[in-house]
């Protein structure tokens, strides 16, 4: 009997502060990297998909972010500019 499946893990990439287009409030936004991995016998083996999302902490709006934009935002957040 084989036991396999998918596991998901979220990583907080950066916390950015800017104006939300939905609620029009200046607030923190969490940039999260979500990685889904194929697991065999509860051991994660290899990534199946990777997605980036931006969540407004004021209104809860969540949108998908392209990988290039997420990486650029993470670099600018760590450099302090």
PDB file of N, CA and C in Angstrom:
ATOM      1  N   UNK A   1       0.838  -1.177   0.000  1.00  0.00           N
ATOM      2  CA  UNK A   1       0.000   0.000   0.000  1.00  0.00           C
ATOM      3  C   UNK A   1       0.882   1.239   0.000  1.00  0.00           C
ATOM      4  N   UNK A   2       0.677   2.106  -0.977  1.00  0.00           N
ATOM      5  CA  UNK A   2       1.412   3.366  -1.068  1.00  0.00           C
ATOM      6  C   UNK A   2       0.555   4.502  -0.518  1.00  0.00           C
ATOM      7  N   UNK A   3       1.176   5.341   0.258  1.00  0.00           N
ATOM      8  CA  UNK A   3       0.490   6.520   0.771  1.00  0.00           C
ATOM      9  C   UNK A   3       1.153   7.738   0.137  1.00  0.00           C
ATOM     10  N   UNK A   4       0.391   8.469  -0.683  1.00  0.00           N
ATOM     11  CA  UNK A   4       0.936   9.651  -1.345  1.00  0.00           C
ATOM     12  C   UNK A   4      -0.105  10.751  -1.340  1.00  0.00           C
ATOM     13  N   UNK A   5       0.357  11.950  -1.617  1.00  0.00           N
ATOM     14  CA  UNK A   5      -0.554  13.089  -1.653  1.00  0.00           C
ATOM     15  C   UNK A   5       0.205  14.382  -1.864  1.00  0.00           C
ATOM     16  N   UNK A   6      -0.463  15.494  -1.579  1.00  0.00           N
ATOM     17  CA  UNK A   6       0.128  16.818  -1.721  1.00  0.00           C
ATOM     18  C   UNK A   6       0.125  17.522  -0.375  1.00  0.00           C
ATOM     19  N   UNK A   7       1.201  18.214  -0.092  1.00  0.00           N
ATOM     20  CA  UNK A   7       1.256  19.040   1.107  1.00  0.00           C
ATOM     21  C   UNK A   7       1.526  20.478   0.686  1.00  0.00           C
ATOM     22  N   UNK A   8       1.035  21.417   1.480  1.00  0.00           N
ATOM     23  CA  UNK A   8       1.180  22.830   1.171  1.00  0.00           C
ATOM     24  C   UNK A   8       1.856  23.529   2.334  1.00  0.00           C
ATOM     25  N   UNK A   9       2.804  24.408   2.014  1.00  0.00           N
ATOM     26  CA  UNK A   9       3.478  25.182   3.048  1.00  0.00           C
ATOM     27  C   UNK A   9       3.568  26.629   2.585  1.00  0.00           C
ATOM     28  N   UNK A  10       3.265  27.554   3.506  1.00  0.00           N
ATOM     29  CA  UNK A  10       3.319  28.985   3.215  1.00  0.00           C
ATOM     30  C   UNK A  10       4.556  29.597   3.849  1.00  0.00           C
ATOM     31  N   UNK A  11       5.202  30.506   3.110  1.00  0.00           N
ATOM     32  CA  UNK A  11       6.369  31.234   3.592  1.00  0.00           C
ATOM     33  C   UNK A  11       6.094  32.724   3.445  1.00  0.00           C
ATOM     34  N   UNK A  12       6.249  33.484   4.532  1.00  0.00           N
ATOM     35  CA  UNK A  12       6.101  34.931   4.465  1.00  0.00           C
ATOM     36  C   UNK A  12       7.370  35.495   3.837  1.00  0.00           C
ATOM     37  N   UNK A  13       7.237  36.080   2.644  1.00  0.00           N
ATOM     38  CA  UNK A  13       8.378  36.609   1.911  1.00  0.00           C
ATOM     39  C   UNK A  13       8.710  38.014   2.402  1.00  0.00           C
ATOM     40  N   UNK A  14       7.682  38.863   2.541  1.00  0.00           N
ATOM     41  CA  UNK A  14       7.904  40.248   2.958  1.00  0.00           C
ATOM     42  C   UNK A  14       6.597  40.833   3.465  1.00  0.00           C
ATOM     43  N   UNK A  15       6.730  41.873   4.276  1.00  0.00           N
ATOM     44  CA  UNK A  15       5.591  42.683   4.686  1.00  0.00           C
ATOM     45  C   UNK A  15       5.814  44.070   4.110  1.00  0.00           C
ATOM     46  N   UNK A  16       4.917  44.487   3.244  1.00  0.00           N
ATOM     47  CA  UNK A  16       5.038  45.759   2.535  1.00  0.00           C
ATOM     48  C   UNK A  16       3.933  46.700   2.987  1.00  0.00           C
ATOM     49  N   UNK A  17       4.208  47.987   2.985  1.00  0.00           N
ATOM     50  CA  UNK A  17       3.201  48.980   3.356  1.00  0.00           C
ATOM     51  C   UNK A  17       2.912  49.837   2.128  1.00  0.00           C
ATOM     52  N   UNK A  18       1.657  49.792   1.670  1.00  0.00           N
ATOM     53  CA  UNK A  18       1.224  50.636   0.562  1.00  0.00           C
ATOM     54  C   UNK A  18      -0.289  50.748   0.562  1.00  0.00           C
ATOM     55  N   UNK A  19      -0.823  51.543  -0.339  1.00  0.00           N
ATOM     56  CA  UNK A  19      -2.260  51.823  -0.427  1.00  0.00           C
ATOM     57  C   UNK A  19      -2.971  50.660  -1.126  1.00  0.00           C
ATOM     58  N   UNK A  20      -3.999  50.120  -0.474  1.00  0.00           N
ATOM     59  CA  UNK A  20      -4.779  49.017  -1.044  1.00  0.00           C
ATOM     60  C   UNK A  20      -5.752  49.578  -2.070  1.00  0.00           C
ATOM     61  N   UNK A  21      -5.848  48.919  -3.228  1.00  0.00           N
ATOM     62  CA  UNK A  21      -6.759  49.405  -4.273  1.00  0.00           C
ATOM     63  C   UNK A  21      -8.215  49.089  -3.973  1.00  0.00           C
ATOM     64  N   UNK A  22      -8.477  48.184  -3.034  1.00  0.00           N
ATOM     65  CA  UNK A  22      -9.859  47.835  -2.695  1.00  0.00           C
ATOM     66  C   UNK A  22     -10.428  48.731  -1.592  1.00  0.00           C
ATOM     67  N   UNK A  23      -9.713  48.833  -0.461  1.00  0.00           N
ATOM     68  CA  UNK A  23     -10.235  49.594   0.679  1.00  0.00           C
ATOM     69  C   UNK A  23      -9.687  51.020   0.748  1.00  0.00           C
ATOM     70  N   UNK A  24      -8.702  51.343  -0.092  1.00  0.00           N
ATOM     71  CA  UNK A  24      -8.091  52.672  -0.169  1.00  0.00           C
ATOM     72  C   UNK A  24      -7.497  53.118   1.161  1.00  0.00           C
ATOM     73  N   UNK A  25      -6.979  52.153   1.949  1.00  0.00           N
ATOM     74  CA  UNK A  25      -6.325  52.439   3.217  1.00  0.00           C
ATOM     75  C   UNK A  25      -4.839  52.118   3.102  1.00  0.00           C
ATOM     76  N   UNK A  26      -4.017  52.930   3.733  1.00  0.00           N
ATOM     77  CA  UNK A  26      -2.582  52.661   3.822  1.00  0.00           C
ATOM     78  C   UNK A  26      -2.404  51.586   4.892  1.00  0.00           C
ATOM     79  N   UNK A  27      -1.811  50.469   4.546  1.00  0.00           N
ATOM     80  CA  UNK A  27      -1.662  49.395   5.516  1.00  0.00           C
ATOM     81  C   UNK A  27      -0.642  48.361   5.084  1.00  0.00           C
ATOM     82  N   UNK A  28      -0.379  47.442   5.982  1.00  0.00           N
ATOM     83  CA  UNK A  28       0.578  46.370   5.718  1.00  0.00           C
ATOM     84  C   UNK A  28      -0.044  45.326   4.791  1.00  0.00           C
ATOM     85  N   UNK A  29       0.771  44.815   3.907  1.00  0.00           N
ATOM     86  CA  UNK A  29       0.378  43.753   2.987  1.00  0.00           C
ATOM     87  C   UNK A  29       1.384  42.621   3.144  1.00  0.00           C
ATOM     88  N   UNK A  30       0.882  41.400   3.301  1.00  0.00           N
ATOM     89  CA  UNK A  30       1.751  40.238   3.441  1.00  0.00           C
ATOM     90  C   UNK A  30       1.943  39.595   2.082  1.00  0.00           C
ATOM     91  N   UNK A  31       3.194  39.474   1.671  1.00  0.00           N
ATOM     92  CA  UNK A  31       3.551  38.772   0.444  1.00  0.00           C
ATOM     93  C   UNK A  31       3.944  37.358   0.841  1.00  0.00           C
ATOM     94  N   UNK A  32       3.154  36.368   0.383  1.00  0.00           N
ATOM     95  CA  UNK A  32       3.312  34.981   0.819  1.00  0.00           C
ATOM     96  C   UNK A  32       3.631  34.093  -0.381  1.00  0.00           C
ATOM     97  N   UNK A  33       4.585  33.206  -0.181  1.00  0.00           N
ATOM     98  CA  UNK A  33       4.929  32.196  -1.189  1.00  0.00           C
ATOM     99  C   UNK A  33       4.320  30.878  -0.731  1.00  0.00           C
ATOM    100  N   UNK A  34       3.469  30.281  -1.554  1.00  0.00           N
ATOM    101  CA  UNK A  34       2.803  29.007  -1.229  1.00  0.00           C
ATOM    102  C   UNK A  34       3.372  27.925  -2.144  1.00  0.00           C
ATOM    103  N   UNK A  35       3.954  26.905  -1.531  1.00  0.00           N
ATOM    104  CA  UNK A  35       4.586  25.813  -2.273  1.00  0.00           C
ATOM    105  C   UNK A  35       3.815  24.525  -2.007  1.00  0.00           C
ATOM    106  N   UNK A  36       3.375  23.874  -3.087  1.00  0.00           N
ATOM    107  CA  UNK A  36       2.721  22.564  -2.989  1.00  0.00           C
ATOM    108  C   UNK A  36       3.735  21.514  -3.399  1.00  0.00           C
ATOM    109  N   UNK A  37       3.862  20.474  -2.570  1.00  0.00           N
ATOM    110  CA  UNK A  37       4.837  19.421  -2.818  1.00  0.00           C
ATOM    111  C   UNK A  37       4.148  18.057  -2.873  1.00  0.00           C
ATOM    112  N   UNK A  38       4.689  17.194  -3.717  1.00  0.00           N
ATOM    113  CA  UNK A  38       4.243  15.810  -3.768  1.00  0.00           C
ATOM    114  C   UNK A  38       4.878  15.077  -2.595  1.00  0.00           C
ATOM    115  N   UNK A  39       4.068  14.315  -1.845  1.00  0.00           N
ATOM    116  CA  UNK A  39       4.561  13.589  -0.674  1.00  0.00           C
ATOM    117  C   UNK A  39       4.348  12.097  -0.853  1.00  0.00           C
ATOM    118  N   UNK A  40       5.312  11.342  -0.394  1.00  0.00           N
ATOM    119  CA  UNK A  40       5.238   9.888  -0.399  1.00  0.00           C
ATOM    120  C   UNK A  40       5.562   9.407   1.012  1.00  0.00           C
ATOM    121  N   UNK A  41       4.635   8.678   1.622  1.00  0.00           N
ATOM    122  CA  UNK A  41       4.765   8.238   3.014  1.00  0.00           C
ATOM    123  C   UNK A  41       5.015   9.432   3.934  1.00  0.00           C
ATOM    124  N   UNK A  42       4.285  10.511   3.707  1.00  0.00           N
ATOM    125  CA  UNK A  42       4.316  11.736   4.509  1.00  0.00           C
ATOM    126  C   UNK A  42       5.651  12.480   4.433  1.00  0.00           C
ATOM    127  N   UNK A  43       6.481  12.170   3.453  1.00  0.00           N
ATOM    128  CA  UNK A  43       7.752  12.866   3.254  1.00  0.00           C
ATOM    129  C   UNK A  43       7.636  13.703   1.991  1.00  0.00           C
ATOM    130  N   UNK A  44       7.731  15.046   2.102  1.00  0.00           N
ATOM    131  CA  UNK A  44       7.664  15.891   0.901  1.00  0.00           C
ATOM    132  C   UNK A  44       8.875  15.638   0.002  1.00  0.00           C
ATOM    133  N   UNK A  45       8.617  15.345  -1.271  1.00  0.00           N
ATOM    134  CA  UNK A  45       9.702  14.980  -2.177  1.00  0.00           C
ATOM    135  C   UNK A  45      10.106  16.100  -3.132  1.00  0.00           C
ATOM    136  N   UNK A  46       9.150  16.632  -3.902  1.00  0.00           N
ATOM    137  CA  UNK A  46       9.500  17.667  -4.874  1.00  0.00           C
ATOM    138  C   UNK A  46       8.333  18.626  -5.039  1.00  0.00           C
ATOM    139  N   UNK A  47       8.661  19.892  -5.369  1.00  0.00           N
ATOM    140  CA  UNK A  47       7.587  20.888  -5.543  1.00  0.00           C
ATOM    141  C   UNK A  47       6.784  20.628  -6.814  1.00  0.00           C
ATOM    142  N   UNK A  48       5.468  20.789  -6.692  1.00  0.00           N
ATOM    143  CA  UNK A  48       4.568  20.625  -7.822  1.00  0.00           C
ATOM    144  C   UNK A  48       4.188  21.995  -8.379  1.00  0.00           C
ATOM    145  N   UNK A  49       3.923  22.955  -7.485  1.00  0.00           N
ATOM    146  CA  UNK A  49       3.576  24.303  -7.929  1.00  0.00           C
ATOM    147  C   UNK A  49       4.001  25.310  -6.871  1.00  0.00           C
ATOM    148  N   UNK A  50       4.217  26.543  -7.332  1.00  0.00           N
ATOM    149  CA  UNK A  50       4.567  27.657  -6.456  1.00  0.00           C
ATOM    150  C   UNK A  50       3.727  28.851  -6.862  1.00  0.00           C
ATOM    151  N   UNK A  51       3.078  29.482  -5.872  1.00  0.00           N
ATOM    152  CA  UNK A  51       2.248  30.667  -6.129  1.00  0.00           C
ATOM    153  C   UNK A  51       2.615  31.749  -5.130  1.00  0.00           C
ATOM    154  N   UNK A  52       2.444  32.989  -5.547  1.00  0.00           N
ATOM    155  CA  UNK A  52       2.655  34.130  -4.667  1.00  0.00           C
ATOM    156  C   UNK A  52       1.333  34.866  -4.514  1.00  0.00           C
ATOM    157  N   UNK A  53       1.019  35.294  -3.282  1.00  0.00           N
ATOM    158  CA  UNK A  53      -0.199  36.058  -3.045  1.00  0.00           C
ATOM    159  C   UNK A  53       0.124  37.281  -2.199  1.00  0.00           C
ATOM    160  N   UNK A  54      -0.684  38.317  -2.374  1.00  0.00           N
ATOM    161  CA  UNK A  54      -0.592  39.549  -1.600  1.00  0.00           C
ATOM    162  C   UNK A  54      -1.899  39.690  -0.831  1.00  0.00           C
ATOM    163  N   UNK A  55      -1.809  39.829   0.495  1.00  0.00           N
ATOM    164  CA  UNK A  55      -2.995  39.955   1.339  1.00  0.00           C
ATOM    165  C   UNK A  55      -2.939  41.265   2.106  1.00  0.00           C
ATOM    166  N   UNK A  56      -3.995  42.064   1.971  1.00  0.00           N
ATOM    167  CA  UNK A  56      -4.118  43.315   2.719  1.00  0.00           C
ATOM    168  C   UNK A  56      -4.542  42.971   4.144  1.00  0.00           C
ATOM    169  N   UNK A  57      -3.829  43.497   5.141  1.00  0.00           N
ATOM    170  CA  UNK A  57      -4.172  43.207   6.531  1.00  0.00           C
ATOM    171  C   UNK A  57      -5.329  44.063   7.032  1.00  0.00           C
ATOM    172  N   UNK A  58      -5.719  45.092   6.276  1.00  0.00           N
ATOM    173  CA  UNK A  58      -6.829  45.954   6.680  1.00  0.00           C
ATOM    174  C   UNK A  58      -8.161  45.337   6.265  1.00  0.00           C
ATOM    175  N   UNK A  59      -8.312  44.988   4.976  1.00  0.00           N
ATOM    176  CA  UNK A  59      -9.603  44.501   4.479  1.00  0.00           C
ATOM    177  C   UNK A  59      -9.615  43.008   4.159  1.00  0.00           C
ATOM    178  N   UNK A  60      -8.448  42.366   4.106  1.00  0.00           N
ATOM    179  CA  UNK A  60      -8.383  40.933   3.831  1.00  0.00           C
ATOM    180  C   UNK A  60      -8.364  40.562   2.367  1.00  0.00           C
ATOM    181  N   UNK A  61      -8.295  41.544   1.472  1.00  0.00           N
ATOM    182  CA  UNK A  61      -8.258  41.285   0.038  1.00  0.00           C
ATOM    183  C   UNK A  61      -6.997  40.478  -0.304  1.00  0.00           C
ATOM    184  N   UNK A  62      -7.158  39.403  -1.053  1.00  0.00           N
ATOM    185  CA  UNK A  62      -6.031  38.565  -1.466  1.00  0.00           C
ATOM    186  C   UNK A  62      -6.027  38.453  -2.984  1.00  0.00           C
ATOM    187  N   UNK A  63      -4.864  38.717  -3.584  1.00  0.00           N
ATOM    188  CA  UNK A  63      -4.722  38.581  -5.038  1.00  0.00           C
ATOM    189  C   UNK A  63      -3.439  37.805  -5.341  1.00  0.00           C
ATOM    190  N   UNK A  64      -3.422  37.174  -6.493  1.00  0.00           N
ATOM    191  CA  UNK A  64      -2.229  36.491  -6.967  1.00  0.00           C
ATOM    192  C   UNK A  64      -1.237  37.490  -7.524  1.00  0.00           C
ATOM    193  N   UNK A  65       0.038  37.204  -7.351  1.00  0.00           N
ATOM    194  CA  UNK A  65       1.101  38.087  -7.805  1.00  0.00           C
ATOM    195  C   UNK A  65       2.030  37.271  -8.710  1.00  0.00           C
ATOM    196  N   UNK A  66       2.413  37.813  -9.870  1.00  0.00           N
ATOM    197  CA  UNK A  66       3.379  37.105 -10.714  1.00  0.00           C
ATOM    198  C   UNK A  66       4.727  36.952  -9.991  1.00  0.00           C
ATOM    199  N   UNK A  67       5.423  35.868 -10.288  1.00  0.00           N
ATOM    200  CA  UNK A  67       6.689  35.555  -9.620  1.00  0.00           C
ATOM    201  C   UNK A  67       7.707  36.692  -9.736  1.00  0.00           C
ATOM    202  N   UNK A  68       7.828  37.286 -10.915  1.00  0.00           N
ATOM    203  CA  UNK A  68       8.807  38.346 -11.127  1.00  0.00           C
ATOM    204  C   UNK A  68       8.518  39.547 -10.223  1.00  0.00           C
ATOM    205  N   UNK A  69       7.252  39.927 -10.120  1.00  0.00           N
ATOM    206  CA  UNK A  69       6.883  41.063  -9.264  1.00  0.00           C
ATOM    207  C   UNK A  69       7.118  40.738  -7.793  1.00  0.00           C
ATOM    208  N   UNK A  70       6.839  39.517  -7.384  1.00  0.00           N
ATOM    209  CA  UNK A  70       7.036  39.114  -5.993  1.00  0.00           C
ATOM    210  C   UNK A  70       8.515  39.135  -5.621  1.00  0.00           C
ATOM    211  N   UNK A  71       9.362  38.626  -6.507  1.00  0.00           N
ATOM    212  CA  UNK A  71      10.797  38.624  -6.240  1.00  0.00           C
ATOM    213  C   UNK A  71      11.351  40.041  -6.196  1.00  0.00           C
ATOM    214  N   UNK A  72      10.879  40.906  -7.084  1.00  0.00           N
ATOM    215  CA  UNK A  72      11.319  42.293  -7.100  1.00  0.00           C
ATOM    216  C   UNK A  72      10.885  43.013  -5.815  1.00  0.00           C
ATOM    217  N   UNK A  73       9.673  42.775  -5.351  1.00  0.00           N
ATOM    218  CA  UNK A  73       9.176  43.389  -4.123  1.00  0.00           C
ATOM    219  C   UNK A  73       9.959  42.895  -2.912  1.00  0.00           C
ATOM    220  N   UNK A  74      10.310  41.614  -2.897  1.00  0.00           N
ATOM    221  CA  UNK A  74      11.080  41.052  -1.794  1.00  0.00           C
ATOM    222  C   UNK A  74      12.473  41.656  -1.730  1.00  0.00           C
ATOM    223  N   UNK A  75      13.095  41.866  -2.887  1.00  0.00           N
ATOM    224  CA  UNK A  75      14.433  42.466  -2.924  1.00  0.00           C
ATOM    225  C   UNK A  75      14.366  43.919  -2.459  1.00  0.00           C
ATOM    226  N   UNK A  76      13.370  44.658  -2.908  1.00  0.00           N
ATOM    227  CA  UNK A  76      13.260  46.052  -2.509  1.00  0.00           C
ATOM    228  C   UNK A  76      12.913  46.186  -1.027  1.00  0.00           C
ATOM    229  N   UNK A  77      12.184  45.224  -0.464  1.00  0.00           N
ATOM    230  CA  UNK A  77      11.831  45.262   0.971  1.00  0.00           C
ATOM    231  C   UNK A  77      13.060  44.979   1.837  1.00  0.00           C
ATOM    232  N   UNK A  78      13.937  44.080   1.388  1.00  0.00           N
ATOM    233  CA  UNK A  78      15.125  43.743   2.179  1.00  0.00           C
ATOM    234  C   UNK A  78      16.208  44.787   2.041  1.00  0.00           C
ATOM    235  N   UNK A  79      16.234  45.520   0.921  1.00  0.00           N
ATOM    236  CA  UNK A  79      17.258  46.551   0.743  1.00  0.00           C
ATOM    237  C   UNK A  79      16.879  47.857   1.442  1.00  0.00           C
ATOM    238  N   UNK A  80      15.611  47.995   1.850  1.00  0.00           N
ATOM    239  CA  UNK A  80      15.187  49.161   2.586  1.00  0.00           C
ATOM    240  C   UNK A  80      14.794  50.345   1.738  1.00  0.00           C
ATOM    241  N   UNK A  81      14.641  50.154   0.447  1.00  0.00           N
ATOM    242  CA  UNK A  81      14.227  51.289  -0.404  1.00  0.00           C
ATOM    243  C   UNK A  81      12.863  51.101  -0.979  1.00  0.00           C
TER     244      UNK A  81
END
